Amino acid sequence: MQAVGLITEYNPFHNGHLHHLRESLRVTGAEVAVAVMSGHFLQRGEPALLDKWGRAEMALRSGVDVVVELPLPWACSSAPDFSRGGVKSLALLGVDSLCFGSECGEIEPLQYCADFLHDNDSFVTGKTSELLRQGVNYPQARAQVLTELSAELLDPTVITAPNNILGIEYLKVLKELTSTIQPVTIARIGAGYHDVDAGVDGIASATGIRQKMLESEAVDTLLPPTVQSILHQATAHGRVVSVDKYYQLLLAQIFRSPTELSDLWLVENGIENRLLTVAENATSLAELVSGLKSRQLTRTRIQRLLVSVLLGLKRDIVPPLLAVGPQYLHLLAASAKGQKFLASRRKQRSIPLVQNFSRVYAILKRHYGFESAAYRLALEQLNLELKATKLYTLLSQDYTGGSRNRDFYESLKI
């Protein structure tokens, strides 16, 4: 049973994602689609529009066979670690291919760039660090280094487009792992990654769809019918995230001592003092981010930093997790075909795939042993994700009560 892997956020699942899913199955000939999906907080440093179970159900009803959560540290990281977490998770699940969308739509220029980065890692890292010290932000610094070193062989537009950048990182990780997973790319169609206007053929970016929802505009034509009903129900029950609530909760976490803030992941180079100063007068999240933005700090990096502050992600916990990879995976949804695939790969998995969280501690203890360092790391990953879920429940527009430990009582979507 051949399986194609997808690294996703589905925030929300839209017509472009449906196109990607169908094309991935078609070009690879796979029978099963396996999605590794970010949980409650996302790579661009923001809370998801809808909780991870609702988004997993959107994917399942649209034809994805397996949805597994990308663990929090990787889901909220920059492109290299986000990609590493996604690819490692798919490798652990035993997929045969990885299909991703890209602006160029061809694997060769992306593979060339990935090979170049892998083979010249120390040189590229050193040159990039030099530019960072000069005040150039990371995406621009990396693009400048690659363009200077391979101008005759590499189209500069390839290394600056958002989906191309992620694709290059996926390919780089596959090479690092000497993985047998076959990479495939398809051309992204419709609106661009950051576009807020709707594209052609009913395909808009997730950014554009979220913006329309904030402005109370209709988005049904941009979503598959099954997704429309799930989103309508979530909206009717007040389960869509409130940006205002996110900002208020964030402010409560910001106003601690500079020493406490400086212990957090991504809070560095004295930014904690500036954060406290800007937060004293900022009246909205957008104003806070704008006040922190600088030549060195991109908007996305600031937003990831703010998620770290909200969740209290400690500097001595997150980097060790990122260095070794996911210690377990959380199964959110699986079709009958998806469950059959997972059963067929069960003996190949080297880490636990947890479905029933009421047994998660026993599962981790049995797999790693009570005294092992790996068990302690697994508990750190678990504690971060449980905290993320609890805080996420506070962001709903109309939270109606019930246990905030939703990981323990939400059932598998089938």
Protein backbone atom coordinates (compact mmCIF):
# COMPACT_ATOMS: atom_id res chain seq x y z
CA MET A 1 0.00 0.00 0.00
CA GLN A 2 1.83 3.10 -1.30
CA ALA A 3 1.47 6.29 0.75
CA VAL A 4 2.20 9.91 -0.13
CA GLY A 5 3.11 12.32 2.67
CA LEU A 6 1.93 15.92 2.95
CA ILE A 7 3.26 18.57 5.37
CA THR A 8 0.39 20.92 6.14
CA GLU A 9 -1.35 23.45 8.35
CA TYR A 10 -4.86 23.47 6.82
CA ASN A 11 -5.74 26.83 8.32
CA PRO A 12 -8.38 26.26 7.03
CA PHE A 13 -8.52 23.43 4.46
CA HIS A 14 -9.44 25.12 1.16
CA ASN A 15 -9.79 24.42 -2.56
CA GLY A 16 -6.05 24.82 -3.10
CA HIS A 17 -5.39 22.09 -0.52
CA LEU A 18 -7.93 19.85 -2.25
CA HIS A 19 -6.11 20.37 -5.56
CA HIS A 20 -2.78 19.56 -3.86
CA LEU A 21 -4.23 16.40 -2.31
CA ARG A 22 -5.72 15.11 -5.55
CA GLU A 23 -2.64 15.91 -7.61
CA SER A 24 -0.36 14.30 -5.00
CA LEU A 25 -2.30 11.05 -5.24
CA ARG A 26 -2.39 11.24 -9.04
CA VAL A 27 1.27 11.98 -9.77
CA THR A 28 2.63 9.50 -7.20
CA GLY A 29 0.08 6.74 -7.79
CA ALA A 30 -0.31 6.43 -4.02
CA GLU A 31 -3.37 4.81 -2.48
CA VAL A 32 -3.09 6.60 0.86
CA ALA A 33 -2.54 10.28 1.74
CA VAL A 34 -0.81 10.93 5.08
CA ALA A 35 -0.78 14.50 6.39
CA VAL A 36 1.46 15.81 9.15
CA MET A 37 -0.43 18.91 10.31
CA SER A 38 0.49 21.70 12.73
CA GLY A 39 -1.55 21.76 15.92
CA HIS A 40 -2.93 24.82 17.70
CA PHE A 41 -0.05 27.19 16.92
CA LEU A 42 1.50 27.64 13.50
CA GLN A 43 4.77 28.20 11.69
CA ARG A 44 4.17 31.90 11.06
CA GLY A 45 3.71 32.48 14.80
CA GLU A 46 -0.05 32.64 15.20
CA PRO A 47 -2.86 30.54 16.67
CA ALA A 48 -4.82 28.39 14.24
CA LEU A 49 -8.24 29.63 13.17
CA LEU A 50 -9.84 26.40 14.38
CA ASP A 51 -8.62 23.72 16.79
CA LYS A 52 -6.57 20.79 15.52
CA TRP A 53 -9.44 18.30 15.73
CA GLY A 54 -11.72 20.47 13.62
CA ARG A 55 -9.01 20.98 11.00
CA ALA A 56 -8.14 17.27 11.02
CA GLU A 57 -11.80 16.49 10.36
CA MET A 58 -11.79 18.95 7.46
CA ALA A 59 -8.88 17.05 5.94
CA LEU A 60 -10.41 13.63 6.58
CA ARG A 61 -13.76 14.56 5.01
CA SER A 62 -11.88 15.94 1.99
CA GLY A 63 -10.00 12.72 1.30
CA VAL A 64 -6.88 12.68 3.50
CA ASP A 65 -6.51 9.21 5.06
CA VAL A 66 -4.26 9.94 8.05
CA VAL A 67 -3.75 13.18 9.99
CA VAL A 68 -0.97 13.29 12.58
CA GLU A 69 -0.05 16.36 14.60
CA LEU A 70 3.30 18.00 13.91
CA PRO A 71 4.63 18.43 17.47
CA LEU A 72 4.60 21.98 18.82
CA PRO A 73 8.34 22.83 18.84
CA TRP A 74 8.62 22.10 15.11
CA ALA A 75 5.21 23.56 14.20
CA CYS A 76 6.26 26.96 15.61
CA SER A 77 9.79 27.03 14.19
CA SER A 78 11.43 28.67 11.20
CA ALA A 79 11.56 26.86 7.86
CA PRO A 80 14.56 24.57 8.58
CA ASP A 81 13.20 23.11 11.84
CA PHE A 82 9.57 23.12 10.65
CA SER A 83 10.69 21.11 7.63
CA ARG A 84 12.88 18.80 9.68
CA GLY A 85 10.00 17.98 12.01
CA GLY A 86 7.59 17.37 9.14
CA VAL A 87 9.92 15.18 7.10
CA LYS A 88 11.08 13.18 10.13
CA SER A 89 7.47 12.58 11.15
CA LEU A 90 6.57 11.30 7.68
CA ALA A 91 9.66 9.08 7.65
CA LEU A 92 8.67 7.64 11.03
CA LEU A 93 5.19 6.91 9.68
CA GLY A 94 6.64 5.04 6.72
CA VAL A 95 5.41 7.01 3.69
CA ASP A 96 6.87 6.28 0.26
CA SER A 97 6.81 9.78 -1.23
CA LEU A 98 6.51 13.43 -0.22
CA CYS A 99 4.56 15.84 -2.41
CA PHE A 100 4.62 19.58 -1.84
CA GLY A 101 3.42 22.62 -3.73
CA SER A 102 5.93 25.13 -5.06
CA GLU A 103 5.95 28.26 -7.14
CA CYS A 104 8.35 26.79 -9.71
CA GLY A 105 6.58 23.43 -10.02
CA GLU A 106 9.80 21.57 -10.92
CA ILE A 107 11.92 19.45 -8.63
CA GLU A 108 15.29 19.99 -10.37
CA PRO A 109 16.02 23.64 -9.43
CA LEU A 110 14.85 22.99 -5.88
CA GLN A 111 16.99 19.86 -5.60
CA TYR A 112 20.02 21.76 -6.89
CA CYS A 113 19.58 24.41 -4.23
CA ALA A 114 19.03 21.81 -1.49
CA ASP A 115 22.17 19.93 -2.54
CA PHE A 116 24.14 23.16 -2.57
CA LEU A 117 22.98 24.05 0.94
CA HIS A 118 23.74 20.56 2.22
CA ASP A 119 27.17 20.27 0.62
CA ASN A 120 28.31 23.79 1.55
CA ASP A 121 26.60 24.04 4.91
CA SER A 122 29.48 25.44 6.97
CA PHE A 123 30.39 28.05 4.35
CA VAL A 124 26.79 29.16 3.79
CA THR A 125 26.16 29.30 7.55
CA GLY A 126 29.26 31.42 8.13
CA LYS A 127 28.47 33.85 5.33
CA THR A 128 24.83 34.09 6.43
CA SER A 129 25.89 34.82 10.03
CA GLU A 130 28.13 37.61 8.78
CA LEU A 131 25.20 39.24 6.98
CA LEU A 132 22.98 38.80 10.03
CA ARG A 133 25.52 40.73 12.10
CA GLN A 134 25.28 43.51 9.51
CA GLY A 135 21.54 43.76 10.16
CA VAL A 136 20.18 41.71 7.24
CA ASN A 137 17.29 39.43 8.20
CA TYR A 138 17.63 35.67 7.75
CA PRO A 139 15.54 35.08 4.58
CA GLN A 140 17.29 37.93 2.75
CA ALA A 141 20.73 36.88 4.00
CA ARG A 142 20.36 33.29 2.82
CA ALA A 143 19.00 34.38 -0.56
CA GLN A 144 21.89 36.82 -1.00
CA VAL A 145 24.50 34.17 -0.18
CA LEU A 146 23.05 31.64 -2.58
CA THR A 147 22.64 34.18 -5.36
CA GLU A 148 26.23 35.42 -5.02
CA LEU A 149 27.69 31.91 -4.97
CA SER A 150 25.66 30.38 -7.77
CA ALA A 151 24.34 33.27 -9.82
CA GLU A 152 24.92 31.54 -13.15
CA LEU A 153 23.13 28.34 -12.14
CA LEU A 154 20.31 29.48 -9.90
CA ASP A 155 17.33 31.72 -10.62
CA PRO A 156 17.09 34.19 -7.70
CA THR A 157 13.29 33.99 -7.78
CA VAL A 158 13.49 30.29 -6.87
CA ILE A 159 15.06 30.89 -3.48
CA THR A 160 12.82 33.77 -2.39
CA ALA A 161 9.34 32.33 -3.02
CA PRO A 162 7.75 31.02 0.24
CA ASN A 163 6.73 27.55 -0.93
CA ASN A 164 10.00 27.07 -2.81
CA ILE A 165 11.87 27.87 0.40
CA LEU A 166 9.98 25.18 2.32
CA GLY A 167 10.45 22.72 -0.54
CA ILE A 168 14.20 23.29 -0.54
CA GLU A 169 14.27 22.62 3.19
CA TYR A 170 12.26 19.39 2.76
CA LEU A 171 14.75 18.18 0.16
CA LYS A 172 17.69 19.14 2.35
CA VAL A 173 16.30 17.10 5.26
CA LEU A 174 15.67 14.09 3.01
CA LYS A 175 19.33 14.21 2.00
CA GLU A 176 20.49 14.58 5.63
CA LEU A 177 18.45 11.51 6.59
CA THR A 178 19.57 9.57 3.48
CA SER A 179 15.86 8.87 3.18
CA THR A 180 14.30 6.65 0.53
CA ILE A 181 11.21 8.90 0.44
CA GLN A 182 10.70 10.10 -3.14
CA PRO A 183 10.17 13.89 -3.38
CA VAL A 184 7.65 15.28 -5.86
CA THR A 185 6.45 18.84 -6.38
CA ILE A 186 3.43 20.31 -8.13
CA ALA A 187 2.96 23.90 -9.24
CA ARG A 188 1.00 26.06 -6.85
CA ILE A 189 -2.02 27.58 -8.58
CA GLY A 190 -4.37 30.42 -7.68
CA ALA A 191 -3.46 33.17 -5.22
CA GLY A 192 0.06 33.49 -3.86
CA TYR A 193 1.04 32.37 -0.35
CA HIS A 194 0.73 35.86 1.15
CA ASP A 195 -2.04 37.19 -1.13
CA VAL A 196 -5.28 38.34 0.47
CA ASP A 197 -7.19 38.54 -2.81
CA ALA A 198 -8.95 35.46 -4.19
CA GLY A 199 -7.23 33.71 -7.06
CA VAL A 200 -8.80 32.07 -10.10
CA ASP A 201 -10.94 28.94 -10.18
CA GLY A 202 -12.08 29.36 -6.58
CA ILE A 203 -8.55 28.94 -5.19
CA ALA A 204 -7.41 31.55 -2.68
CA SER A 205 -4.62 31.53 -0.11
CA ALA A 206 -5.38 30.58 3.48
CA THR A 207 -4.23 34.10 4.40
CA GLY A 208 -6.83 35.59 2.06
CA ILE A 209 -9.58 33.34 3.40
CA ARG A 210 -8.80 34.24 7.02
CA GLN A 211 -8.79 37.94 6.14
CA LYS A 212 -12.20 37.63 4.50
CA MET A 213 -13.55 35.84 7.56
CA LEU A 214 -12.28 38.62 9.83
CA GLU A 215 -14.12 41.10 7.62
CA SER A 216 -17.28 38.94 7.70
CA GLU A 217 -17.10 38.25 3.97
CA ALA A 218 -18.41 35.01 2.45
CA VAL A 219 -15.79 32.32 1.85
CA ASP A 220 -17.92 29.27 0.97
CA THR A 221 -16.93 29.28 -2.71
CA LEU A 222 -13.27 29.01 -1.67
CA LEU A 223 -13.79 25.87 0.45
CA PRO A 224 -14.84 22.29 -0.35
CA PRO A 225 -18.50 21.64 0.62
CA THR A 226 -17.56 19.28 3.47
CA VAL A 227 -15.29 21.94 4.94
CA GLN A 228 -17.98 24.60 4.68
CA SER A 229 -20.29 22.68 7.02
CA ILE A 230 -17.54 22.07 9.59
CA LEU A 231 -16.53 25.74 9.58
CA HIS A 232 -20.16 26.91 9.81
CA GLN A 233 -20.72 24.69 12.82
CA ALA A 234 -17.53 25.88 14.52
CA THR A 235 -18.47 29.51 13.91
CA ALA A 236 -22.00 28.98 15.22
CA HIS A 237 -20.62 27.45 18.43
CA GLY A 238 -18.01 30.19 18.96
CA ARG A 239 -15.04 27.87 18.41
CA VAL A 240 -13.19 30.18 16.01
CA VAL A 241 -10.19 31.94 17.56
CA SER A 242 -10.50 35.57 18.67
CA VAL A 243 -7.45 37.71 17.88
CA ASP A 244 -8.48 40.13 20.66
CA LYS A 245 -8.48 37.34 23.24
CA TYR A 246 -5.09 36.17 21.97
CA TYR A 247 -3.66 39.66 22.44
CA GLN A 248 -5.06 40.05 25.97
CA LEU A 249 -3.71 36.65 27.02
CA LEU A 250 -0.37 37.49 25.44
CA LEU A 251 -0.11 40.78 27.34
CA ALA A 252 -0.63 38.92 30.62
CA GLN A 253 2.41 36.77 29.80
CA ILE A 254 4.55 39.67 28.57
CA PHE A 255 4.30 41.66 31.79
CA ARG A 256 6.74 39.59 33.80
CA SER A 257 10.30 40.50 34.73
CA PRO A 258 12.95 40.93 32.00
CA THR A 259 14.86 38.06 33.60
CA GLU A 260 11.92 35.69 33.22
CA LEU A 261 11.43 36.73 29.61
CA SER A 262 15.11 36.29 28.78
CA ASP A 263 14.89 32.61 29.79
CA LEU A 264 12.43 31.93 26.98
CA TRP A 265 13.21 30.43 23.60
CA LEU A 266 13.74 33.02 20.80
CA VAL A 267 13.92 35.90 23.31
CA GLU A 268 17.48 37.12 22.77
CA ASN A 269 19.73 40.12 22.19
CA GLY A 270 17.86 42.21 24.74
CA ILE A 271 14.53 42.08 22.89
CA GLU A 272 12.77 41.43 26.22
CA ASN A 273 13.34 45.05 27.28
CA ARG A 274 11.99 46.39 24.02
CA LEU A 275 9.05 44.02 24.24
CA LEU A 276 8.09 45.35 27.67
CA THR A 277 8.40 48.95 26.50
CA VAL A 278 6.32 48.52 23.33
CA ALA A 279 3.67 46.45 25.14
CA GLU A 280 3.01 49.27 27.62
CA ASN A 281 1.32 51.36 24.90
CA ALA A 282 0.37 48.99 22.07
CA THR A 283 -3.41 48.75 21.69
CA SER A 284 -3.50 45.72 19.40
CA LEU A 285 -1.47 42.72 18.29
CA ALA A 286 -0.73 44.40 14.96
CA GLU A 287 0.56 47.50 16.76
CA LEU A 288 2.72 45.38 19.07
CA VAL A 289 4.30 43.50 16.15
CA SER A 290 4.88 46.71 14.17
CA GLY A 291 6.53 48.31 17.18
CA LEU A 292 8.97 45.41 17.49
CA LYS A 293 9.73 45.03 13.80
CA SER A 294 13.22 46.00 12.67
CA ARG A 295 15.63 45.29 9.85
CA GLN A 296 16.92 42.26 11.74
CA LEU A 297 13.55 41.02 13.01
CA THR A 298 10.96 40.00 10.44
CA ARG A 299 7.26 40.09 11.27
CA THR A 300 7.09 36.29 11.24
CA ARG A 301 10.03 35.90 13.62
CA ILE A 302 8.44 38.39 16.02
CA GLN A 303 5.17 36.46 15.91
CA ARG A 304 6.99 33.19 16.67
CA LEU A 305 8.75 34.93 19.56
CA LEU A 306 5.35 36.03 20.90
CA VAL A 307 4.02 32.46 20.75
CA SER A 308 7.08 31.41 22.76
CA VAL A 309 6.23 34.08 25.35
CA LEU A 310 2.57 33.05 25.48
CA LEU A 311 3.37 29.38 26.00
CA GLY A 312 6.41 29.95 28.21
CA LEU A 313 8.69 27.91 25.96
CA LYS A 314 11.96 27.62 27.88
CA ARG A 315 15.32 28.02 26.19
CA ASP A 316 16.67 24.92 27.96
CA ILE A 317 13.79 22.71 26.76
CA VAL A 318 12.94 23.51 23.13
CA PRO A 319 16.42 23.34 21.51
CA PRO A 320 17.20 19.85 22.93
CA LEU A 321 13.88 18.62 21.52
CA LEU A 322 14.57 20.17 18.13
CA ALA A 323 18.00 18.54 18.09
CA VAL A 324 16.74 14.96 18.48
CA GLY A 325 13.36 15.00 16.75
CA PRO A 326 9.80 14.10 17.83
CA GLN A 327 9.58 11.66 20.74
CA TYR A 328 6.02 10.56 19.90
CA LEU A 329 3.32 11.44 17.39
CA HIS A 330 -0.35 12.21 18.10
CA LEU A 331 -2.86 10.61 15.73
CA LEU A 332 -5.79 13.00 15.15
CA ALA A 333 -7.74 11.35 12.32
CA ALA A 334 -7.68 8.19 10.20
CA SER A 335 -9.99 6.68 7.61
CA ALA A 336 -10.47 2.91 7.42
CA LYS A 337 -7.84 2.83 4.68
CA GLY A 338 -5.56 5.02 6.76
CA GLN A 339 -5.88 2.73 9.77
CA LYS A 340 -4.99 -0.23 7.56
CA PHE A 341 -1.88 1.60 6.35
CA LEU A 342 -0.79 2.47 9.90
CA ALA A 343 -1.23 -1.15 10.96
CA SER A 344 0.94 -2.28 8.04
CA ARG A 345 3.80 0.04 9.12
CA ARG A 346 3.46 -0.57 12.84
CA LYS A 347 6.63 -2.64 13.25
CA GLN A 348 8.70 -0.07 11.37
CA ARG A 349 7.93 2.82 13.73
CA SER A 350 10.68 3.69 16.20
CA ILE A 351 8.59 6.07 18.34
CA PRO A 352 5.06 5.74 19.74
CA LEU A 353 2.04 6.81 17.70
CA VAL A 354 -0.47 7.82 20.37
CA GLN A 355 -4.19 7.71 19.72
CA ASN A 356 -5.64 7.34 23.22
CA PHE A 357 -4.17 10.04 25.48
CA SER A 358 -5.63 8.47 28.60
CA ARG A 359 -2.78 5.96 28.23
CA VAL A 360 -0.08 8.32 26.99
CA TYR A 361 2.07 8.22 30.15
CA ALA A 362 2.01 4.42 30.26
CA ILE A 363 2.81 4.23 26.54
CA LEU A 364 5.81 6.54 26.83
CA LYS A 365 7.09 4.83 29.98
CA ARG A 366 6.83 1.39 28.39
CA HIS A 367 8.56 2.52 25.19
CA TYR A 368 11.43 4.52 26.69
CA GLY A 369 11.83 3.24 30.23
CA PHE A 370 11.13 5.31 33.31
CA GLU A 371 14.75 6.35 33.96
CA SER A 372 15.81 7.24 30.42
CA ALA A 373 16.70 10.69 29.09
CA ALA A 374 14.45 10.00 26.09
CA TYR A 375 11.48 9.48 28.43
CA ARG A 376 12.14 12.84 30.07
CA LEU A 377 12.33 14.51 26.65
CA ALA A 378 9.05 12.84 25.64
CA LEU A 379 7.44 14.24 28.80
CA GLU A 380 8.75 17.72 27.96
CA GLN A 381 7.16 17.45 24.50
CA LEU A 382 3.92 16.22 26.05
CA ASN A 383 3.81 18.99 28.67
CA LEU A 384 4.30 21.67 26.01
CA GLU A 385 1.47 20.31 23.89
CA LEU A 386 -0.93 19.90 26.81
CA LYS A 387 -0.26 23.49 27.85
CA ALA A 388 -0.79 24.70 24.27
CA THR A 389 -4.20 23.01 24.18
CA LYS A 390 -5.28 24.47 27.52
CA LEU A 391 -4.31 28.00 26.53
CA TYR A 392 -5.85 27.60 23.09
CA THR A 393 -9.26 26.93 24.65
CA LEU A 394 -9.09 30.43 26.15
CA LEU A 395 -8.89 31.93 22.66
CA SER A 396 -12.27 30.71 21.43
CA GLN A 397 -14.76 33.50 20.87
CA ASP A 398 -17.37 31.82 23.04
CA TYR A 399 -15.76 29.13 25.20
CA THR A 400 -18.62 27.31 26.95
CA GLY A 401 -16.73 25.39 29.60
CA GLY A 402 -15.65 21.81 30.01
CA SER A 403 -12.21 20.41 30.64
CA ARG A 404 -9.38 22.28 28.97
CA ASN A 405 -7.40 19.03 28.86
CA ARG A 406 -9.01 18.26 25.52
CA ASP A 407 -6.17 15.98 24.38
CA PHE A 408 -7.44 13.45 26.92
CA TYR A 409 -11.06 13.30 25.84
CA GLU A 410 -11.26 14.23 22.14
CA SER A 411 -11.84 11.04 20.17
CA LEU A 412 -10.07 10.02 16.97
CA LYS A 413 -11.78 11.40 13.86
CA ILE A 414 -12.73 8.46 11.62
